[in-house]
PDB file of N, CA and C in Angstrom:
ATOM      1  N   MET A   1      98.116  93.029 118.270  1.00  0.00           N
ATOM      2  CA  MET A   1      98.995  92.682 117.667  1.00  0.00           C
ATOM      3  C   MET A   1      99.723  91.557 118.536  1.00  0.00           C
ATOM      4  N   SER A   2      99.979  90.672 117.723  1.00  0.00           N
ATOM      5  CA  SER A   2     101.156  89.268 118.402  1.00  0.00           C
ATOM      6  C   SER A   2     102.482  89.393 117.906  1.00  0.00           C
ATOM      7  N   LEU A   3     103.061  88.383 118.261  1.00  0.00           N
ATOM      8  CA  LEU A   3     104.510  88.136 118.276  1.00  0.00           C
ATOM      9  C   LEU A   3     104.385  87.508 116.976  1.00  0.00           C
ATOM     10  N   LEU A   4     105.740  87.956 116.103  1.00  0.00           N
ATOM     11  CA  LEU A   4     106.111  86.993 115.043  1.00  0.00           C
ATOM     12  C   LEU A   4     107.024  86.219 114.921  1.00  0.00           C
ATOM     13  N   THR A   5     107.033  85.174 114.048  1.00  0.00           N
ATOM     14  CA  THR A   5     107.786  84.098 114.127  1.00  0.00           C
ATOM     15  C   THR A   5     108.811  85.003 113.039  1.00  0.00           C
ATOM     16  N   GLN A   6     110.070  83.808 113.288  1.00  0.00           N
ATOM     17  CA  GLN A   6     111.200  84.359 112.103  1.00  0.00           C
ATOM     18  C   GLN A   6     110.482  84.367 110.558  1.00  0.00           C
ATOM     19  N   THR A   7     109.990  83.348 110.964  1.00  0.00           N
ATOM     20  CA  THR A   7     109.770  82.924 109.159  1.00  0.00           C
ATOM     21  C   THR A   7     108.545  84.044 108.415  1.00  0.00           C
ATOM     22  N   GLU A   8     107.704  84.307 109.575  1.00  0.00           N
ATOM     23  CA  GLU A   8     107.038  85.680 109.302  1.00  0.00           C
ATOM     24  C   GLU A   8     107.490  86.740 109.183  1.00  0.00           C
ATOM     25  N   VAL A   9     108.358  87.061 109.940  1.00  0.00           N
ATOM     26  CA  VAL A   9     109.321  88.111 109.492  1.00  0.00           C
ATOM     27  C   VAL A   9     109.917  88.599 108.493  1.00  0.00           C
ATOM     28  N   TYR A  10     110.721  87.100 107.721  1.00  0.00           N
ATOM     29  CA  TYR A  10     111.529  87.148 106.681  1.00  0.00           C
ATOM     30  C   TYR A  10     110.395  86.972 105.049  1.00  0.00           C
ATOM     31  N   ASP A  11     109.212  86.043 105.463  1.00  0.00           N
ATOM     32  CA  ASP A  11     108.290  86.157 104.296  1.00  0.00           C
ATOM     33  C   ASP A  11     108.222  87.573 103.791  1.00  0.00           C
ATOM     34  N   GLU A  12     107.510  88.359 105.539  1.00  0.00           N
ATOM     35  CA  GLU A  12     107.138  89.729 104.913  1.00  0.00           C
ATOM     36  C   GLU A  12     107.782  90.494 104.238  1.00  0.00           C
ATOM     37  N   ILE A  13     109.827  90.306 104.779  1.00  0.00           N
ATOM     38  CA  ILE A  13     110.650  91.477 104.023  1.00  0.00           C
ATOM     39  C   ILE A  13     110.514  90.990 102.340  1.00  0.00           C
ATOM     40  N   ALA A  14     110.630  89.473 102.686  1.00  0.00           N
ATOM     41  CA  ALA A  14     110.569  89.478 100.737  1.00  0.00           C
ATOM     42  C   ALA A  14     109.418  89.680  99.877  1.00  0.00           C
ATOM     43  N   LYS A  15     108.282  90.168 100.964  1.00  0.00           N
ATOM     44  CA  LYS A  15     106.998  90.419 100.162  1.00  0.00           C
ATOM     45  C   LYS A  15     107.074  91.358  99.821  1.00  0.00           C
ATOM     46  N   ALA A  16     107.858  92.635 100.796  1.00  0.00           N
ATOM     47  CA  ALA A  16     108.062  94.098 100.418  1.00  0.00           C
ATOM     48  C   ALA A  16     109.145  94.272  99.308  1.00  0.00           C
ATOM     49  N   GLN A  17     110.044  93.354  99.338  1.00  0.00           N
ATOM     50  CA  GLN A  17     111.273  93.725  98.695  1.00  0.00           C
ATOM     51  C   GLN A  17     110.447  93.349  96.831  1.00  0.00           C
ATOM     52  N   GLU A  18     109.907  92.102  97.334  1.00  0.00           N
ATOM     53  CA  GLU A  18     109.371  91.865  95.265  1.00  0.00           C
ATOM     54  C   GLU A  18     108.329  92.872  95.127  1.00  0.00           C
ATOM     55  N   ALA A  19     107.837  93.422  95.815  1.00  0.00           N
ATOM     56  CA  ALA A  19     106.681  95.099  95.563  1.00  0.00           C
ATOM     57  C   ALA A  19     107.405  96.421  95.612  1.00  0.00           C
ATOM     58  N   GLY A  20     108.706  95.690  95.582  1.00  0.00           N
ATOM     59  CA  GLY A  20     109.706  97.273  95.600  1.00  0.00           C
ATOM     60  C   GLY A  20     109.201  98.442  96.560  1.00  0.00           C
ATOM     61  N   GLU A  21     108.735  97.929  97.710  1.00  0.00           N
ATOM     62  CA  GLU A  21     108.694  99.030  98.991  1.00  0.00           C
ATOM     63  C   GLU A  21     109.802  98.741 100.356  1.00  0.00           C
ATOM     64  N   LYS A  22     109.646  99.545 100.515  1.00  0.00           N
ATOM     65  CA  LYS A  22     110.706  99.551 102.069  1.00  0.00           C
ATOM     66  C   LYS A  22     109.905  99.256 103.454  1.00  0.00           C
ATOM     67  N   LEU A  23     111.041  98.616 103.989  1.00  0.00           N
ATOM     68  CA  LEU A  23     109.957  97.994 105.506  1.00  0.00           C
ATOM     69  C   LEU A  23     111.640  98.426 105.946  1.00  0.00           C
ATOM     70  N   ALA A  24     110.558  98.366 107.724  1.00  0.00           N
ATOM     71  CA  ALA A  24     111.533  98.779 108.714  1.00  0.00           C
ATOM     72  C   ALA A  24     111.080  97.602 109.521  1.00  0.00           C
ATOM     73  N   VAL A  25     112.067  97.081 109.889  1.00  0.00           N
ATOM     74  CA  VAL A  25     112.060  96.076 111.642  1.00  0.00           C
ATOM     75  C   VAL A  25     112.176  96.584 112.636  1.00  0.00           C
ATOM     76  N   ALA A  26     111.928  96.325 113.378  1.00  0.00           N
ATOM     77  CA  ALA A  26     112.506  96.923 114.910  1.00  0.00           C
ATOM     78  C   ALA A  26     112.226  96.067 115.784  1.00  0.00           C
ATOM     79  N   THR A  27     113.202  95.615 116.287  1.00  0.00           N
ATOM     80  CA  THR A  27     113.694  94.529 117.081  1.00  0.00           C
ATOM     81  C   THR A  27     114.330  94.943 118.694  1.00  0.00           C
ATOM     82  N   ILE A  28     113.260  94.178 119.445  1.00  0.00           N
ATOM     83  CA  ILE A  28     114.108  94.741 120.842  1.00  0.00           C
ATOM     84  C   ILE A  28     115.379  93.669 121.503  1.00  0.00           C
ATOM     85  N   ILE A  29     116.261  94.829 121.416  1.00  0.00           N
ATOM     86  CA  ILE A  29     117.607  94.278 121.826  1.00  0.00           C
ATOM     87  C   ILE A  29     118.054  93.944 122.643  1.00  0.00           C
ATOM     88  N   THR A  30     117.830  94.719 123.993  1.00  0.00           N
ATOM     89  CA  THR A  30     118.104  94.511 125.385  1.00  0.00           C
ATOM     90  C   THR A  30     116.733  95.341 126.430  1.00  0.00           C
ATOM     91  N   THR A  31     116.663  94.507 127.328  1.00  0.00           N
ATOM     92  CA  THR A  31     116.186  95.319 128.259  1.00  0.00           C
ATOM     93  C   THR A  31     116.545  95.233 129.840  1.00  0.00           C
ATOM     94  N   SER A  32     115.595  95.770 130.442  1.00  0.00           N
ATOM     95  CA  SER A  32     115.960  95.872 132.323  1.00  0.00           C
ATOM     96  C   SER A  32     114.955  96.798 132.602  1.00  0.00           C
ATOM     97  N   GLY A  33     114.621  96.217 133.745  1.00  0.00           N
ATOM     98  CA  GLY A  33     113.094  96.015 134.544  1.00  0.00           C
ATOM     99  C   GLY A  33     111.960  95.654 133.796  1.00  0.00           C
ATOM    100  N   SER A  34     111.119  96.187 134.296  1.00  0.00           N
ATOM    101  CA  SER A  34     109.780  96.016 133.698  1.00  0.00           C
ATOM    102  C   SER A  34     109.100  96.613 132.363  1.00  0.00           C
ATOM    103  N   THR A  35     109.320  95.640 131.152  1.00  0.00           N
ATOM    104  CA  THR A  35     108.889  95.792 129.736  1.00  0.00           C
ATOM    105  C   THR A  35     107.956  95.159 129.095  1.00  0.00           C
ATOM    106  N   PRO A  36     106.851  95.435 128.403  1.00  0.00           N
ATOM    107  CA  PRO A  36     105.904  94.718 128.205  1.00  0.00           C
ATOM    108  C   PRO A  36     106.468  93.459 126.860  1.00  0.00           C
ATOM    109  N   GLN A  37     107.302  93.719 126.734  1.00  0.00           N
ATOM    110  CA  GLN A  37     108.048  92.285 125.708  1.00  0.00           C
ATOM    111  C   GLN A  37     109.247  92.752 125.930  1.00  0.00           C
ATOM    112  N   ARG A  38     109.504  90.869 125.542  1.00  0.00           N
ATOM    113  CA  ARG A  38     111.053  90.323 125.797  1.00  0.00           C
ATOM    114  C   ARG A  38     112.113  91.165 124.822  1.00  0.00           C
ATOM    115  N   THR A  39     113.060  90.427 124.778  1.00  0.00           N
ATOM    116  CA  THR A  39     114.191  90.517 123.575  1.00  0.00           C
ATOM    117  C   THR A  39     113.676  89.791 122.762  1.00  0.00           C
ATOM    118  N   GLY A  40     114.060  90.319 121.651  1.00  0.00           N
ATOM    119  CA  GLY A  40     113.529  89.192 120.313  1.00  0.00           C
ATOM    120  C   GLY A  40     112.327  90.041 119.528  1.00  0.00           C
ATOM    121  N   ALA A  41     111.510  90.586 120.351  1.00  0.00           N
ATOM    122  CA  ALA A  41     109.877  91.223 119.888  1.00  0.00           C
ATOM    123  C   ALA A  41     110.164  91.620 118.601  1.00  0.00           C
ATOM    124  N   LYS A  42     109.398  91.296 117.357  1.00  0.00           N
ATOM    125  CA  LYS A  42     109.578  92.995 116.570  1.00  0.00           C
ATOM    126  C   LYS A  42     108.303  93.640 116.213  1.00  0.00           C
ATOM    127  N   LEU A  43     108.771  94.482 115.673  1.00  0.00           N
ATOM    128  CA  LEU A  43     107.542  95.134 115.051  1.00  0.00           C
ATOM    129  C   LEU A  43     107.850  95.581 113.368  1.00  0.00           C
ATOM    130  N   LEU A  44     106.759  95.284 112.583  1.00  0.00           N
ATOM    131  CA  LEU A  44     107.286  95.882 110.963  1.00  0.00           C
ATOM    132  C   LEU A  44     106.414  97.004 110.652  1.00  0.00           C
ATOM    133  N   VAL A  45     107.263  97.599 109.918  1.00  0.00           N
ATOM    134  CA  VAL A  45     106.609  99.374 110.365  1.00  0.00           C
ATOM    135  C   VAL A  45     106.555  99.136 108.414  1.00  0.00           C
ATOM    136  N   TYR A  46     105.779  99.427 107.938  1.00  0.00           N
ATOM    137  CA  TYR A  46     105.621  99.222 106.336  1.00  0.00           C
ATOM    138  C   TYR A  46     105.900 101.284 105.832  1.00  0.00           C
ATOM    139  N   GLU A  47     105.998 101.779 104.888  1.00  0.00           N
ATOM    140  CA  GLU A  47     106.063 102.592 103.951  1.00  0.00           C
ATOM    141  C   GLU A  47     104.756 103.308 104.464  1.00  0.00           C
ATOM    142  N   THR A  48     103.433 102.696 104.449  1.00  0.00           N
ATOM    143  CA  THR A  48     102.193 103.037 104.128  1.00  0.00           C
ATOM    144  C   THR A  48     101.829 103.739 105.807  1.00  0.00           C
ATOM    145  N   GLY A  49     102.699 103.430 106.723  1.00  0.00           N
ATOM    146  CA  GLY A  49     102.390 103.377 108.030  1.00  0.00           C
ATOM    147  C   GLY A  49     101.771 101.953 109.065  1.00  0.00           C
ATOM    148  N   LYS A  50     101.178 100.995 108.155  1.00  0.00           N
ATOM    149  CA  LYS A  50     100.981  99.559 108.498  1.00  0.00           C
ATOM    150  C   LYS A  50     101.822  99.139 109.776  1.00  0.00           C
ATOM    151  N   MET A  51     101.764  98.178 110.370  1.00  0.00           N
ATOM    152  CA  MET A  51     102.295  97.924 111.636  1.00  0.00           C
ATOM    153  C   MET A  51     101.927  96.513 111.731  1.00  0.00           C
ATOM    154  N   LEU A  52     102.790  95.343 111.709  1.00  0.00           N
ATOM    155  CA  LEU A  52     102.755  93.625 112.259  1.00  0.00           C
ATOM    156  C   LEU A  52     103.567  93.216 113.281  1.00  0.00           C
ATOM    157  N   GLY A  53     103.000  92.889 113.778  1.00  0.00           N
ATOM    158  CA  GLY A  53     103.958  92.067 115.205  1.00  0.00           C
ATOM    159  C   GLY A  53     103.916  93.184 116.265  1.00  0.00           C
ATOM    160  N   THR A  54     104.742  93.144 117.453  1.00  0.00           N
ATOM    161  CA  THR A  54     104.354  94.124 118.290  1.00  0.00           C
ATOM    162  C   THR A  54     105.590  93.997 119.300  1.00  0.00           C
ATOM    163  N   VAL A  55     106.358  95.444 119.722  1.00  0.00           N
ATOM    164  CA  VAL A  55     107.042  95.665 120.592  1.00  0.00           C
ATOM    165  C   VAL A  55     106.574  95.895 122.085  1.00  0.00           C
ATOM    166  N   GLY A  56     105.612  95.795 122.161  1.00  0.00           N
ATOM    167  CA  GLY A  56     104.818  96.101 123.751  1.00  0.00           C
ATOM    168  C   GLY A  56     103.414  96.934 123.369  1.00  0.00           C
ATOM    169  N   GLY A  57     103.238  97.322 122.486  1.00  0.00           N
ATOM    170  CA  GLY A  57     101.777  97.881 122.542  1.00  0.00           C
ATOM    171  C   GLY A  57     102.181  99.483 123.164  1.00  0.00           C
ATOM    172  N   GLY A  58     100.916  99.968 123.399  1.00  0.00           N
ATOM    173  CA  GLY A  58     100.756 101.609 124.256  1.00  0.00           C
ATOM    174  C   GLY A  58     101.922 102.539 123.776  1.00  0.00           C
ATOM    175  N   CYS A  59     102.363 103.485 124.265  1.00  0.00           N
ATOM    176  CA  CYS A  59     103.008 104.507 124.115  1.00  0.00           C
ATOM    177  C   CYS A  59     104.087 104.533 123.593  1.00  0.00           C
ATOM    178  N   VAL A  60     105.166 102.893 124.074  1.00  0.00           N
ATOM    179  CA  VAL A  60     106.419 102.858 123.511  1.00  0.00           C
ATOM    180  C   VAL A  60     106.344 102.437 121.721  1.00  0.00           C
ATOM    181  N   GLU A  61     105.060 101.504 121.760  1.00  0.00           N
ATOM    182  CA  GLU A  61     104.616 100.768 120.346  1.00  0.00           C
ATOM    183  C   GLU A  61     104.537 102.253 119.675  1.00  0.00           C
ATOM    184  N   ALA A  62     103.593 103.341 120.134  1.00  0.00           N
ATOM    185  CA  ALA A  62     104.043 104.408 119.365  1.00  0.00           C
ATOM    186  C   ALA A  62     105.259 105.357 119.215  1.00  0.00           C
ATOM    187  N   ASP A  63     105.950 105.263 119.755  1.00  0.00           N
ATOM    188  CA  ASP A  63     107.114 105.513 119.811  1.00  0.00           C
ATOM    189  C   ASP A  63     108.074 105.004 118.579  1.00  0.00           C
ATOM    190  N   VAL A  64     108.257 103.980 118.909  1.00  0.00           N
ATOM    191  CA  VAL A  64     109.107 103.008 118.373  1.00  0.00           C
ATOM    192  C   VAL A  64     108.423 103.496 116.619  1.00  0.00           C
ATOM    193  N   TRP A  65     107.099 103.035 116.439  1.00  0.00           N
ATOM    194  CA  TRP A  65     106.553 102.964 114.927  1.00  0.00           C
ATOM    195  C   TRP A  65     106.829 104.651 114.635  1.00  0.00           C
ATOM    196  N   ALA A  66     106.907 105.487 115.471  1.00  0.00           N
ATOM    197  CA  ALA A  66     107.284 107.136 114.518  1.00  0.00           C
ATOM    198  C   ALA A  66     109.248 107.054 114.618  1.00  0.00           C
ATOM    199  N   GLU A  67     109.956 106.534 115.561  1.00  0.00           N
ATOM    200  CA  GLU A  67     111.339 106.054 114.864  1.00  0.00           C
ATOM    201  C   GLU A  67     111.344 105.085 113.580  1.00  0.00           C
ATOM    202  N   ALA A  68     110.521 104.523 113.276  1.00  0.00           N
ATOM    203  CA  ALA A  68     110.647 103.597 112.456  1.00  0.00           C
ATOM    204  C   ALA A  68     110.264 104.366 111.562  1.00  0.00           C
ATOM    205  N   ARG A  69     109.293 104.964 111.019  1.00  0.00           N
ATOM    206  CA  ARG A  69     108.652 106.039 110.264  1.00  0.00           C
ATOM    207  C   ARG A  69     109.844 106.748 109.957  1.00  0.00           C
ATOM    208  N   GLU A  70     110.798 107.431 110.299  1.00  0.00           N
ATOM    209  CA  GLU A  70     111.773 108.589 110.658  1.00  0.00           C
ATOM    210  C   GLU A  70     113.224 107.565 109.378  1.00  0.00           C
ATOM    211  N   ALA A  71     113.311 106.429 110.077  1.00  0.00           N
ATOM    212  CA  ALA A  71     114.219 105.687 109.786  1.00  0.00           C
ATOM    213  C   ALA A  71     113.632 105.254 107.687  1.00  0.00           C
ATOM    214  N   LEU A  72     112.185 104.987 107.564  1.00  0.00           N
ATOM    215  CA  LEU A  72     112.092 104.858 106.156  1.00  0.00           C
ATOM    216  C   LEU A  72     112.227 105.864 105.680  1.00  0.00           C
ATOM    217  N   ASN A  73     112.458 107.483 106.218  1.00  0.00           N
ATOM    218  CA  ASN A  73     112.144 108.281 105.475  1.00  0.00           C
ATOM    219  C   ASN A  73     113.581 109.052 105.159  1.00  0.00           C
ATOM    220  N   ASP A  74     114.725 108.294 106.129  1.00  0.00           N
ATOM    221  CA  ASP A  74     115.852 108.835 105.495  1.00  0.00           C
ATOM    222  C   ASP A  74     116.366 107.760 105.092  1.00  0.00           C
ATOM    223  N   GLY A  75     116.325 106.623 105.271  1.00  0.00           N
ATOM    224  CA  GLY A  75     117.154 105.221 104.550  1.00  0.00           C
ATOM    225  C   GLY A  75     118.272 104.459 105.520  1.00  0.00           C
ATOM    226  N   LYS A  76     118.137 105.050 107.201  1.00  0.00           N
ATOM    227  CA  LYS A  76     119.352 104.818 107.735  1.00  0.00           C
ATOM    228  C   LYS A  76     118.680 103.804 108.958  1.00  0.00           C
ATOM    229  N   SER A  77     119.527 103.008 109.277  1.00  0.00           N
ATOM    230  CA  SER A  77     118.829 101.783 110.099  1.00  0.00           C
ATOM    231  C   SER A  77     119.401 102.800 111.562  1.00  0.00           C
ATOM    232  N   ARG A  78     118.939 102.393 112.494  1.00  0.00           N
ATOM    233  CA  ARG A  78     119.227 102.858 113.998  1.00  0.00           C
ATOM    234  C   ARG A  78     119.170 102.151 115.154  1.00  0.00           C
ATOM    235  N   LEU A  79     119.829 102.723 116.422  1.00  0.00           N
ATOM    236  CA  LEU A  79     119.836 102.089 117.518  1.00  0.00           C
ATOM    237  C   LEU A  79     118.992 103.050 118.276  1.00  0.00           C
ATOM    238  N   CYS A  80     117.570 102.773 118.939  1.00  0.00           N
ATOM    239  CA  CYS A  80     116.911 103.516 119.840  1.00  0.00           C
ATOM    240  C   CYS A  80     116.930 103.628 121.125  1.00  0.00           C
ATOM    241  N   HIS A  81     116.762 104.056 122.588  1.00  0.00           N
ATOM    242  CA  HIS A  81     116.960 103.904 123.838  1.00  0.00           C
ATOM    243  C   HIS A  81     115.824 104.389 124.151  1.00  0.00           C
ATOM    244  N   PHE A  82     114.000 103.402 124.611  1.00  0.00           N
ATOM    245  CA  PHE A  82     113.725 104.070 125.140  1.00  0.00           C
ATOM    246  C   PHE A  82     113.448 103.113 127.140  1.00  0.00           C
ATOM    247  N   THR A  83     112.679 104.489 127.494  1.00  0.00           N
ATOM    248  CA  THR A  83     112.420 104.414 128.928  1.00  0.00           C
ATOM    249  C   THR A  83     110.744 104.664 128.991  1.00  0.00           C
ATOM    250  N   LEU A  84     110.458 103.005 129.696  1.00  0.00           N
ATOM    251  CA  LEU A  84     108.960 103.088 129.397  1.00  0.00           C
ATOM    252  C   LEU A  84     108.230 103.829 130.996  1.00  0.00           C
ATOM    253  N   ARG A  85     108.897 105.227 131.292  1.00  0.00           N
ATOM    254  CA  ARG A  85     108.269 106.281 132.054  1.00  0.00           C
ATOM    255  C   ARG A  85     108.558 107.536 131.546  1.00  0.00           C
ATOM    256  N   ASP A  86     106.984 108.429 131.681  1.00  0.00           N
ATOM    257  CA  ASP A  86     107.439 109.520 130.896  1.00  0.00           C
ATOM    258  C   ASP A  86     108.222 110.766 131.802  1.00  0.00           C
ATOM    259  N   ASN A  87     108.172 110.232 133.342  1.00  0.00           N
ATOM    260  CA  ASN A  87     108.657 111.542 133.762  1.00  0.00           C
ATOM    261  C   ASN A  87     109.330 110.784 135.423  1.00  0.00           C
ATOM    262  N   PRO A  88     110.683 110.781 135.081  1.00  0.00           N
ATOM    263  CA  PRO A  88     111.228 109.875 136.316  1.00  0.00           C
ATOM    264  C   PRO A  88     110.782 110.094 137.926  1.00  0.00           C
ATOM    265  N   ASP A  89     110.375 111.300 137.998  1.00  0.00           N
ATOM    266  CA  ASP A  89     109.792 111.750 139.278  1.00  0.00           C
ATOM    267  C   ASP A  89     108.396 111.686 140.045  1.00  0.00           C
ATOM    268  N   VAL A  90     108.064 111.101 138.396  1.00  0.00           N
ATOM    269  CA  VAL A  90     106.587 110.345 138.938  1.00  0.00           C
ATOM    270  C   VAL A  90     106.456 109.555 139.302  1.00  0.00           C
ATOM    271  N   PRO A  91     105.964 108.490 140.044  1.00  0.00           N
ATOM    272  CA  PRO A  91     105.740 107.016 140.091  1.00  0.00           C
ATOM    273  C   PRO A  91     104.776 106.809 138.947  1.00  0.00           C
ATOM    274  N   PRO A  92     104.941 105.443 138.281  1.00  0.00           N
ATOM    275  CA  PRO A  92     104.278 104.749 137.051  1.00  0.00           C
ATOM    276  C   PRO A  92     103.053 105.108 137.010  1.00  0.00           C
ATOM    277  N   ASP A  93     102.200 104.720 138.676  1.00  0.00           N
ATOM    278  CA  ASP A  93     100.620 104.141 138.425  1.00  0.00           C
ATOM    279  C   ASP A  93     100.274 105.856 138.669  1.00  0.00           C
ATOM    280  N   GLU A  94     100.720 106.606 138.810  1.00  0.00           N
ATOM    281  CA  GLU A  94     100.056 108.365 138.338  1.00  0.00           C
ATOM    282  C   GLU A  94     100.488 108.742 137.079  1.00  0.00           C
ATOM    283  N   GLU A  95     101.068 108.104 136.188  1.00  0.00           N
ATOM    284  CA  GLU A  95     101.246 108.734 135.009  1.00  0.00           C
ATOM    285  C   GLU A  95     100.782 107.950 133.866  1.00  0.00           C
ATOM    286  N   GLY A  96     100.135 106.152 134.101  1.00  0.00           N
ATOM    287  CA  GLY A  96      99.506 105.862 133.240  1.00  0.00           C
ATOM    288  C   GLY A  96     100.370 104.854 132.286  1.00  0.00           C
ATOM    289  N   MET A  97     102.057 104.634 132.652  1.00  0.00           N
ATOM    290  CA  MET A  97     102.686 104.039 132.110  1.00  0.00           C
ATOM    291  C   MET A  97     103.235 103.024 133.155  1.00  0.00           C
ATOM    292  N   ILE A  98     102.383 101.832 133.231  1.00  0.00           N
ATOM    293  CA  ILE A  98     103.302 100.910 134.859  1.00  0.00           C
ATOM    294  C   ILE A  98     104.071 100.429 134.521  1.00  0.00           C
ATOM    295  N   CYS A  99     105.170 100.135 133.294  1.00  0.00           N
ATOM    296  CA  CYS A  99     105.984  99.049 133.431  1.00  0.00           C
ATOM    297  C   CYS A  99     107.459  99.451 134.139  1.00  0.00           C
ATOM    298  N   GLY A 100     107.747 100.838 133.422  1.00  0.00           N
ATOM    299  CA  GLY A 100     109.165 101.455 133.993  1.00  0.00           C
ATOM    300  C   GLY A 100     109.932 101.269 134.071  1.00  0.00           C
ATOM    301  N   GLY A 101     110.624  99.863 133.172  1.00  0.00           N
ATOM    302  CA  GLY A 101     111.981  99.659 132.628  1.00  0.00           C
ATOM    303  C   GLY A 101     112.534  99.981 131.493  1.00  0.00           C
ATOM    304  N   GLU A 102     113.370  99.744 130.780  1.00  0.00           N
ATOM    305  CA  GLU A 102     114.088 100.174 129.960  1.00  0.00           C
ATOM    306  C   GLU A 102     114.294  99.323 128.948  1.00  0.00           C
ATOM    307  N   MET A 103     114.205  99.647 127.449  1.00  0.00           N
ATOM    308  CA  MET A 103     114.394  98.934 126.481  1.00  0.00           C
ATOM    309  C   MET A 103     115.278  99.375 125.171  1.00  0.00           C
ATOM    310  N   GLU A 104     116.691  98.709 124.630  1.00  0.00           N
ATOM    311  CA  GLU A 104     116.605  99.332 123.514  1.00  0.00           C
ATOM    312  C   GLU A 104     116.448  98.309 122.113  1.00  0.00           C
ATOM    313  N   VAL A 105     116.073  99.054 120.878  1.00  0.00           N
ATOM    314  CA  VAL A 105     115.437  98.633 120.231  1.00  0.00           C
ATOM    315  C   VAL A 105     116.130  98.988 119.050  1.00  0.00           C
ATOM    316  N   MET A 106     116.898  97.899 118.093  1.00  0.00           N
ATOM    317  CA  MET A 106     117.262  98.324 116.676  1.00  0.00           C
ATOM    318  C   MET A 106     116.326  98.145 115.733  1.00  0.00           C
ATOM    319  N   ILE A 107     116.414  99.505 114.626  1.00  0.00           N
ATOM    320  CA  ILE A 107     115.622  99.469 113.528  1.00  0.00           C
ATOM    321  C   ILE A 107     116.312  99.301 112.492  1.00  0.00           C
ATOM    322  N   GLU A 108     115.892  98.372 111.652  1.00  0.00           N
ATOM    323  CA  GLU A 108     116.653  98.302 110.222  1.00  0.00           C
ATOM    324  C   GLU A 108     115.253  98.297 109.395  1.00  0.00           C
ATOM    325  N   VAL A 109     116.169  99.483 108.246  1.00  0.00           N
ATOM    326  CA  VAL A 109     115.942 100.061 107.169  1.00  0.00           C
ATOM    327  C   VAL A 109     116.192  98.296 106.081  1.00  0.00           C
ATOM    328  N   TRP A 110     114.962  97.883 105.875  1.00  0.00           N
ATOM    329  CA  TRP A 110     115.114  96.912 104.464  1.00  0.00           C
ATOM    330  C   TRP A 110     114.198  97.551 103.095  1.00  0.00           C
ATOM    331  N   SER A 111     115.230  97.861 101.851  1.00  0.00           N
ATOM    332  CA  SER A 111     114.483  98.378 100.988  1.00  0.00           C
ATOM    333  C   SER A 111     114.822  97.148  99.567  1.00  0.00           C
TER     334      SER A 111
END
């Protein structure tokens, strides 16, 4: 996955609206510590489950995708907080999640 430009994001929103499809736009709005992407990175999630863009890949991207799918189902935007470690008592290099930071992601539903 690659980072999306603002033009690409709004083009995709327009295409989805023209097709009568809902679309969730997930945007990283704050980060602290080490994270795989910076503030402003976006992931688009379609009703079909298709994704475009990235908020970091791996486990956190799967979690954002799942939250976006829930937002699409209930039609409600939401602010989500993600910790990039499974267990705060286990060192990151022992659990597979090496970033260790935190990020807030705004998930907006466009219909």
